[in-house]
């Protein structure tokens, strides 16, 4: 008589659950990985498609920026953002190619990810 080990049933993930890990380059060759809980790969790919189509101000792209904001403990307020700010955020999130970055842009995002300067009076 053979005894087979009973298989455990696969656990079903609740709808809407998920997490995405993004890699952000803070300086040449230096990356920070940020986990976006409750954000799915499907949502990320959709935001990427919208940004690449030129619709980088779409609500789905902003949801991704909000997810990053929550993950790093900052409140990013888009009400004062210009197109360039959206483009920079989209490039850092991997939605667009990061063609035109200055060292000052890299330093600003690196500071934000380290949690410095969160309340600098701006």
N, C-alpha and C. Protein backbone atom coordinates (compact mmCIF):
# COMPACT_ATOMS: atom_id res chain seq x y z
N UNK A 1 0.84 -1.16 0.00
CA UNK A 1 0.00 0.00 0.00
C UNK A 1 0.90 1.24 0.00
N UNK A 2 0.72 2.10 -0.96
CA UNK A 2 1.54 3.31 -1.02
C UNK A 2 0.83 4.47 -0.34
N UNK A 3 1.64 5.27 0.26
CA UNK A 3 1.08 6.46 0.91
C UNK A 3 1.60 7.69 0.18
N UNK A 4 0.69 8.47 -0.32
CA UNK A 4 1.08 9.70 -1.01
C UNK A 4 0.86 10.87 -0.07
N UNK A 5 1.77 11.78 -0.16
CA UNK A 5 1.65 12.97 0.66
C UNK A 5 0.53 13.84 0.09
N UNK A 6 -0.34 14.23 0.94
CA UNK A 6 -1.46 15.07 0.49
C UNK A 6 -0.95 16.45 0.10
N UNK A 7 -1.43 16.95 -1.01
CA UNK A 7 -1.04 18.28 -1.46
C UNK A 7 -1.92 19.32 -0.79
N UNK A 8 -1.28 20.40 -0.44
CA UNK A 8 -2.04 21.50 0.12
C UNK A 8 -2.70 22.26 -1.02
N UNK A 9 -3.92 22.68 -0.83
CA UNK A 9 -4.57 23.46 -1.90
C UNK A 9 -3.86 24.80 -2.07
N UNK A 10 -3.86 25.28 -3.28
CA UNK A 10 -3.24 26.57 -3.56
C UNK A 10 -4.05 27.67 -2.91
N UNK A 11 -3.32 28.57 -2.31
CA UNK A 11 -3.98 29.70 -1.67
C UNK A 11 -4.36 30.73 -2.73
N UNK A 12 -5.59 31.15 -2.71
CA UNK A 12 -6.06 32.15 -3.66
C UNK A 12 -5.76 33.54 -3.10
N UNK A 13 -5.22 34.39 -3.95
CA UNK A 13 -4.96 35.76 -3.54
C UNK A 13 -6.23 36.56 -3.65
N UNK A 14 -6.52 37.39 -2.67
CA UNK A 14 -7.71 38.22 -2.77
C UNK A 14 -7.62 39.18 -3.94
N UNK A 15 -8.77 39.51 -4.50
CA UNK A 15 -8.80 40.45 -5.63
C UNK A 15 -8.22 41.78 -5.17
N UNK A 16 -7.39 42.37 -6.01
CA UNK A 16 -6.79 43.66 -5.69
C UNK A 16 -5.52 43.57 -4.87
N UNK A 17 -5.18 42.37 -4.41
CA UNK A 17 -3.96 42.23 -3.62
C UNK A 17 -2.78 42.17 -4.57
N UNK A 18 -1.64 42.49 -4.07
CA UNK A 18 -0.44 42.40 -4.88
C UNK A 18 0.58 43.39 -4.40
N UNK A 19 1.75 43.28 -4.99
CA UNK A 19 2.79 44.26 -4.71
C UNK A 19 3.74 44.28 -5.88
N UNK A 20 4.26 45.43 -6.11
CA UNK A 20 5.21 45.64 -7.19
C UNK A 20 6.48 46.20 -6.56
N UNK A 21 7.62 45.72 -7.02
CA UNK A 21 8.90 46.25 -6.58
C UNK A 21 9.50 47.01 -7.74
N UNK A 22 9.84 48.27 -7.50
CA UNK A 22 10.48 49.06 -8.54
C UNK A 22 11.90 49.38 -8.12
N UNK A 23 12.77 49.49 -9.10
CA UNK A 23 14.17 49.87 -8.84
C UNK A 23 14.37 51.27 -9.36
N UNK A 24 14.85 52.14 -8.47
CA UNK A 24 15.08 53.52 -8.84
C UNK A 24 16.58 53.79 -8.73
N UNK A 25 17.14 54.32 -9.81
CA UNK A 25 18.57 54.63 -9.81
C UNK A 25 18.77 55.99 -9.16
N UNK A 26 19.46 56.01 -8.02
CA UNK A 26 19.70 57.25 -7.28
C UNK A 26 20.96 57.96 -7.76
N UNK A 27 21.91 57.21 -8.21
CA UNK A 27 23.13 57.73 -8.81
C UNK A 27 23.66 56.63 -9.72
N UNK A 28 24.59 56.93 -10.59
CA UNK A 28 25.06 55.91 -11.52
C UNK A 28 25.46 54.61 -10.82
N UNK A 29 24.73 53.56 -11.13
CA UNK A 29 25.03 52.24 -10.58
C UNK A 29 24.50 51.99 -9.18
N UNK A 30 23.84 52.97 -8.57
CA UNK A 30 23.29 52.81 -7.22
C UNK A 30 21.77 52.82 -7.31
N UNK A 31 21.16 51.71 -6.90
CA UNK A 31 19.72 51.57 -7.01
C UNK A 31 19.09 51.39 -5.64
N UNK A 32 17.86 51.86 -5.52
CA UNK A 32 17.05 51.63 -4.33
C UNK A 32 15.82 50.87 -4.80
N UNK A 33 15.49 49.78 -4.11
CA UNK A 33 14.28 49.03 -4.43
C UNK A 33 13.18 49.47 -3.48
N UNK A 34 12.03 49.79 -4.05
CA UNK A 34 10.88 50.23 -3.27
C UNK A 34 9.72 49.29 -3.57
N UNK A 35 9.13 48.72 -2.54
CA UNK A 35 8.00 47.83 -2.69
C UNK A 35 6.71 48.65 -2.58
N UNK A 36 5.84 48.48 -3.55
CA UNK A 36 4.55 49.17 -3.56
C UNK A 36 3.47 48.16 -3.19
N UNK A 37 3.13 48.06 -1.89
CA UNK A 37 2.10 47.10 -1.50
C UNK A 37 0.74 47.50 -2.05
N UNK A 38 -0.11 46.53 -2.25
CA UNK A 38 -1.47 46.76 -2.77
C UNK A 38 -1.46 47.41 -4.14
N UNK A 39 -0.43 47.15 -4.92
CA UNK A 39 -0.34 47.65 -6.29
C UNK A 39 0.11 46.47 -7.14
N UNK A 40 -0.62 46.19 -8.21
CA UNK A 40 -0.35 44.99 -9.00
C UNK A 40 0.51 45.27 -10.22
N UNK A 41 1.08 44.21 -10.75
CA UNK A 41 1.86 44.31 -11.97
C UNK A 41 1.02 44.76 -13.15
N UNK A 42 -0.24 44.35 -13.17
CA UNK A 42 -1.16 44.76 -14.25
C UNK A 42 -1.37 46.27 -14.20
N UNK A 43 -1.56 46.79 -12.99
CA UNK A 43 -1.74 48.24 -12.84
C UNK A 43 -0.48 48.98 -13.27
N UNK A 44 0.68 48.44 -12.93
CA UNK A 44 1.94 49.07 -13.31
C UNK A 44 2.08 49.10 -14.84
N UNK A 45 1.81 47.96 -15.48
CA UNK A 45 1.94 47.91 -16.94
C UNK A 45 0.96 48.86 -17.62
N UNK A 46 -0.25 48.99 -17.07
CA UNK A 46 -1.23 49.91 -17.64
C UNK A 46 -0.74 51.36 -17.50
N UNK A 47 -0.21 51.72 -16.34
CA UNK A 47 0.32 53.07 -16.15
C UNK A 47 1.49 53.32 -17.10
N UNK A 48 2.31 52.30 -17.32
CA UNK A 48 3.44 52.42 -18.24
C UNK A 48 2.96 52.67 -19.66
N UNK A 49 1.92 51.94 -20.09
CA UNK A 49 1.37 52.14 -21.43
C UNK A 49 0.84 53.55 -21.61
N UNK A 50 0.13 54.05 -20.60
CA UNK A 50 -0.41 55.41 -20.67
C UNK A 50 0.70 56.45 -20.76
N UNK A 51 1.72 56.29 -19.93
CA UNK A 51 2.83 57.25 -19.92
C UNK A 51 3.58 57.22 -21.25
N UNK A 52 3.82 56.03 -21.78
CA UNK A 52 4.54 55.92 -23.04
C UNK A 52 3.73 56.48 -24.20
N UNK A 53 2.41 56.49 -24.06
CA UNK A 53 1.54 57.06 -25.10
C UNK A 53 1.44 58.58 -24.96
N UNK A 54 2.12 59.15 -23.96
CA UNK A 54 2.10 60.58 -23.77
C UNK A 54 1.08 61.08 -22.76
N UNK A 55 0.33 60.16 -22.18
CA UNK A 55 -0.70 60.53 -21.21
C UNK A 55 -0.15 60.35 -19.79
N UNK A 56 0.95 61.05 -19.48
CA UNK A 56 1.61 60.86 -18.20
C UNK A 56 0.89 61.54 -17.05
N UNK A 57 -0.15 62.32 -17.32
CA UNK A 57 -0.97 62.93 -16.26
C UNK A 57 -2.25 62.12 -16.00
N UNK A 58 -2.34 60.94 -16.55
CA UNK A 58 -3.53 60.10 -16.38
C UNK A 58 -3.70 59.72 -14.91
N UNK A 59 -4.95 59.54 -14.46
CA UNK A 59 -5.19 59.14 -13.07
C UNK A 59 -4.47 57.85 -12.68
N UNK A 60 -4.34 56.92 -13.62
CA UNK A 60 -3.66 55.65 -13.31
C UNK A 60 -2.16 55.87 -13.06
N UNK A 61 -1.58 56.84 -13.74
CA UNK A 61 -0.17 57.17 -13.50
C UNK A 61 -0.06 57.84 -12.13
N UNK A 62 -1.00 58.72 -11.82
CA UNK A 62 -0.97 59.38 -10.52
C UNK A 62 -1.14 58.37 -9.39
N UNK A 63 -1.97 57.32 -9.59
CA UNK A 63 -2.13 56.29 -8.57
C UNK A 63 -0.79 55.60 -8.27
N UNK A 64 0.00 55.41 -9.30
CA UNK A 64 1.33 54.81 -9.11
C UNK A 64 2.22 55.76 -8.30
N UNK A 65 2.17 57.03 -8.62
CA UNK A 65 2.96 58.01 -7.87
C UNK A 65 2.50 58.05 -6.41
N UNK A 66 1.18 57.96 -6.18
CA UNK A 66 0.65 57.92 -4.81
C UNK A 66 1.11 56.66 -4.08
N UNK A 67 1.18 55.54 -4.80
CA UNK A 67 1.65 54.29 -4.18
C UNK A 67 3.11 54.44 -3.75
N UNK A 68 3.92 55.07 -4.59
CA UNK A 68 5.31 55.33 -4.22
C UNK A 68 5.36 56.26 -3.01
N UNK A 69 4.54 57.29 -3.03
CA UNK A 69 4.48 58.25 -1.93
C UNK A 69 4.18 57.55 -0.61
N UNK A 70 3.19 56.66 -0.62
CA UNK A 70 2.82 55.92 0.59
C UNK A 70 3.94 54.97 1.02
N UNK A 71 4.60 54.34 0.05
CA UNK A 71 5.65 53.37 0.37
C UNK A 71 6.86 54.03 1.03
N UNK A 72 7.15 55.27 0.66
CA UNK A 72 8.33 55.93 1.24
C UNK A 72 7.96 56.91 2.34
N UNK A 73 6.66 57.03 2.64
CA UNK A 73 6.23 57.86 3.75
C UNK A 73 6.22 59.34 3.49
N UNK A 74 5.98 59.73 2.25
CA UNK A 74 5.90 61.15 1.90
C UNK A 74 4.53 61.45 1.31
N UNK A 75 4.16 62.71 1.32
CA UNK A 75 2.91 63.14 0.71
C UNK A 75 3.26 63.99 -0.50
N UNK A 76 3.29 63.35 -1.66
CA UNK A 76 3.62 64.06 -2.89
C UNK A 76 2.35 64.76 -3.40
N UNK A 77 2.39 66.07 -3.49
CA UNK A 77 1.23 66.87 -3.88
C UNK A 77 1.37 67.29 -5.34
N UNK A 78 0.55 66.72 -6.19
CA UNK A 78 0.65 66.99 -7.63
C UNK A 78 -0.03 68.28 -8.03
N UNK A 79 -0.73 68.94 -7.13
CA UNK A 79 -1.47 70.14 -7.51
C UNK A 79 -0.54 71.24 -8.02
N UNK A 80 0.72 71.20 -7.63
CA UNK A 80 1.68 72.21 -8.07
C UNK A 80 2.68 71.68 -9.08
N UNK A 81 2.47 70.48 -9.56
CA UNK A 81 3.41 69.86 -10.49
C UNK A 81 3.18 70.38 -11.89
N UNK A 82 4.27 70.62 -12.59
CA UNK A 82 4.23 70.92 -14.01
C UNK A 82 4.49 69.65 -14.81
N UNK A 83 4.43 69.78 -16.12
CA UNK A 83 4.67 68.62 -16.98
C UNK A 83 6.04 68.00 -16.72
N UNK A 84 7.04 68.84 -16.50
CA UNK A 84 8.39 68.33 -16.27
C UNK A 84 8.46 67.47 -15.01
N UNK A 85 7.72 67.87 -13.96
CA UNK A 85 7.70 67.08 -12.73
C UNK A 85 7.09 65.71 -12.97
N UNK A 86 5.99 65.67 -13.73
CA UNK A 86 5.36 64.38 -14.05
C UNK A 86 6.31 63.52 -14.88
N UNK A 87 6.98 64.13 -15.84
CA UNK A 87 7.90 63.37 -16.68
C UNK A 87 9.05 62.80 -15.86
N UNK A 88 9.58 63.57 -14.93
CA UNK A 88 10.67 63.08 -14.08
C UNK A 88 10.19 61.92 -13.22
N UNK A 89 9.02 62.07 -12.62
CA UNK A 89 8.49 60.99 -11.77
C UNK A 89 8.25 59.74 -12.60
N UNK A 90 7.68 59.90 -13.79
CA UNK A 90 7.42 58.75 -14.66
C UNK A 90 8.71 58.06 -15.07
N UNK A 91 9.75 58.83 -15.33
CA UNK A 91 11.04 58.23 -15.70
C UNK A 91 11.64 57.48 -14.51
N UNK A 92 11.58 58.06 -13.31
CA UNK A 92 12.12 57.38 -12.14
C UNK A 92 11.36 56.10 -11.82
N UNK A 93 10.06 56.09 -12.12
CA UNK A 93 9.25 54.90 -11.85
C UNK A 93 9.38 53.85 -12.94
N UNK A 94 10.19 54.12 -13.95
CA UNK A 94 10.41 53.16 -15.02
C UNK A 94 9.33 53.18 -16.08
N UNK A 95 8.51 54.22 -16.09
CA UNK A 95 7.45 54.31 -17.08
C UNK A 95 7.95 54.86 -18.40
N UNK A 96 8.97 55.70 -18.33
CA UNK A 96 9.55 56.33 -19.51
C UNK A 96 11.06 56.19 -19.47
N UNK A 97 11.69 56.40 -20.60
CA UNK A 97 13.15 56.40 -20.63
C UNK A 97 13.65 57.66 -19.93
N UNK A 98 14.70 57.53 -19.16
CA UNK A 98 15.22 58.68 -18.42
C UNK A 98 16.38 59.31 -19.20
N UNK A 99 16.02 59.99 -20.28
CA UNK A 99 17.02 60.54 -21.18
C UNK A 99 17.78 61.74 -20.61
N UNK A 100 17.05 62.69 -20.08
CA UNK A 100 17.65 63.97 -19.71
C UNK A 100 17.64 64.18 -18.20
N UNK A 101 18.58 63.60 -17.50
CA UNK A 101 18.66 63.77 -16.05
C UNK A 101 19.89 64.56 -15.69
N UNK A 102 19.70 65.48 -14.80
CA UNK A 102 20.85 66.24 -14.31
C UNK A 102 21.27 65.65 -12.97
N UNK A 103 22.50 65.89 -12.55
CA UNK A 103 22.92 65.43 -11.23
C UNK A 103 22.02 65.99 -10.11
N UNK A 104 21.48 67.20 -10.29
CA UNK A 104 20.59 67.78 -9.28
C UNK A 104 19.30 66.98 -9.17
N UNK A 105 18.77 66.50 -10.30
CA UNK A 105 17.56 65.67 -10.28
C UNK A 105 17.83 64.38 -9.52
N UNK A 106 18.96 63.75 -9.80
CA UNK A 106 19.32 62.50 -9.12
C UNK A 106 19.45 62.73 -7.62
N UNK A 107 20.09 63.80 -7.23
CA UNK A 107 20.29 64.10 -5.81
C UNK A 107 18.96 64.35 -5.12
N UNK A 108 18.03 65.04 -5.79
CA UNK A 108 16.73 65.34 -5.18
C UNK A 108 15.94 64.07 -4.90
N UNK A 109 15.93 63.14 -5.84
CA UNK A 109 15.19 61.90 -5.64
C UNK A 109 15.89 61.02 -4.61
N UNK A 110 17.22 60.98 -4.63
CA UNK A 110 17.95 60.20 -3.64
C UNK A 110 17.65 60.71 -2.23
N UNK A 111 17.57 62.02 -2.06
CA UNK A 111 17.25 62.61 -0.77
C UNK A 111 15.84 62.24 -0.35
N UNK A 112 14.89 62.29 -1.27
CA UNK A 112 13.51 61.94 -0.97
C UNK A 112 13.41 60.49 -0.53
N UNK A 113 14.10 59.58 -1.20
CA UNK A 113 14.04 58.17 -0.87
C UNK A 113 14.70 57.86 0.47
N UNK A 114 15.65 58.66 0.86
CA UNK A 114 16.28 58.47 2.17
C UNK A 114 15.45 59.10 3.28
N UNK A 115 14.38 59.83 2.91
CA UNK A 115 13.50 60.43 3.89
C UNK A 115 14.00 61.75 4.44
N UNK A 116 14.93 62.36 3.76
CA UNK A 116 15.45 63.66 4.21
C UNK A 116 14.68 64.78 3.52
N UNK A 117 14.59 65.90 4.17
CA UNK A 117 13.98 67.08 3.54
C UNK A 117 12.50 66.95 3.31
N UNK A 118 11.81 66.08 4.06
CA UNK A 118 10.39 65.87 3.84
C UNK A 118 9.58 67.09 4.21
N UNK A 119 10.10 67.90 5.12
CA UNK A 119 9.34 69.06 5.56
C UNK A 119 10.24 70.28 5.51
N UNK A 120 10.58 70.71 4.31
CA UNK A 120 11.54 71.81 4.17
C UNK A 120 10.88 73.15 3.93
N UNK A 121 9.57 73.24 4.20
CA UNK A 121 8.89 74.53 4.11
C UNK A 121 8.37 74.87 2.74
N UNK A 122 8.49 73.98 1.77
CA UNK A 122 7.96 74.26 0.43
C UNK A 122 6.54 73.81 0.32
